[in-house]
Amino acid sequence: MNTLFIGQKVIRLSEIDSTNNYAAQQVKENGVLDGLVIIADYQLAGKGQRSRSWESEKGKNLLCSIVLNPNFIDVSNQFILNKAIALAVLKAAEMICPGAFLRIKWPNDIYMEDKKLAGILIESTINGSQIGSLIVGIGMNVNQLKFEVGGRPAISISQELGNEIPVEAVLQIVCKSLEVEYLKLKAGKLNYIDEEYQQNLWKLNEWQRFEMNGKTEMLKILGVNKSGLLITESEEGRRAEWRNGELILASSL
């Protein structure tokens, strides 16, 4: 793989409950292997945000986990890792599908137009004031053509391009893109990453109907703060900050 460290060691599995679980076991047994990649053809219990499952046909999509050791990031600023990783997956998708309208749906899903292309699940351990191990789970729809009716709208790379693309090729592009953004973090380019993340937010500065606390309200997304909270403004001009899961886009109910 044409990278410095991400993907220099790859463990390929036919079937596993979850690549994130397998990666966590590797960290427990062998310590943090910075850049280790776990990839599977199929996950029996793939995990998404907030305990959701991840739907994927066997061998059709990218299902991988990447182990990182970002001990140079302070716990108080750990959401910058989410921003960098989401940007990396977004940019990888842009390289594969040039011209497609791609955005980051807060906190770190990748959308093509109004359909989900990729999801990211980040699990970390804390050592004092620093991040210990970081396991980055990435699911990207590559060659799947049909998705469960009634679920969240989804799209794949092959649907956009009109032809199949090797999953291994997608993995290499994702690993390279992630390494580039990760090295920006190491170089201290935190403000640059934050600005790019904000600029690429899905529905930024657009009015959307959200559900919260049993009621619906029109809100405009203004951005995401340092702690990862979504900043919105109401029609009356009230600003509020929201944790992941506190807001639901009404059209996705």
Foldseek 3Di string as FASTA:
>chain_A
DPDDAAPPAEAEEAEEQAQLVVVVVCCVVPNQRANYKYWYQYHNAYAAPPRDGDDDDGNQWTWMKTKHFPQVDFPLQVLLLQLLLLVLLQVLLCVLQPPFQWFAAPPRFIDGQQATFKGWDWDWDDDVGGTGMIMIIMIGGFGDDDDDPPAGHHDHSCVRVVHGDRNVVSVVSSSRSSNVSVVCVVVVVSVVSQVVNFVRYPQAQHWFWKDAPHDIFTWHFPGADSNRWTWIAGPVGDIDTHDPPRIDGVVND
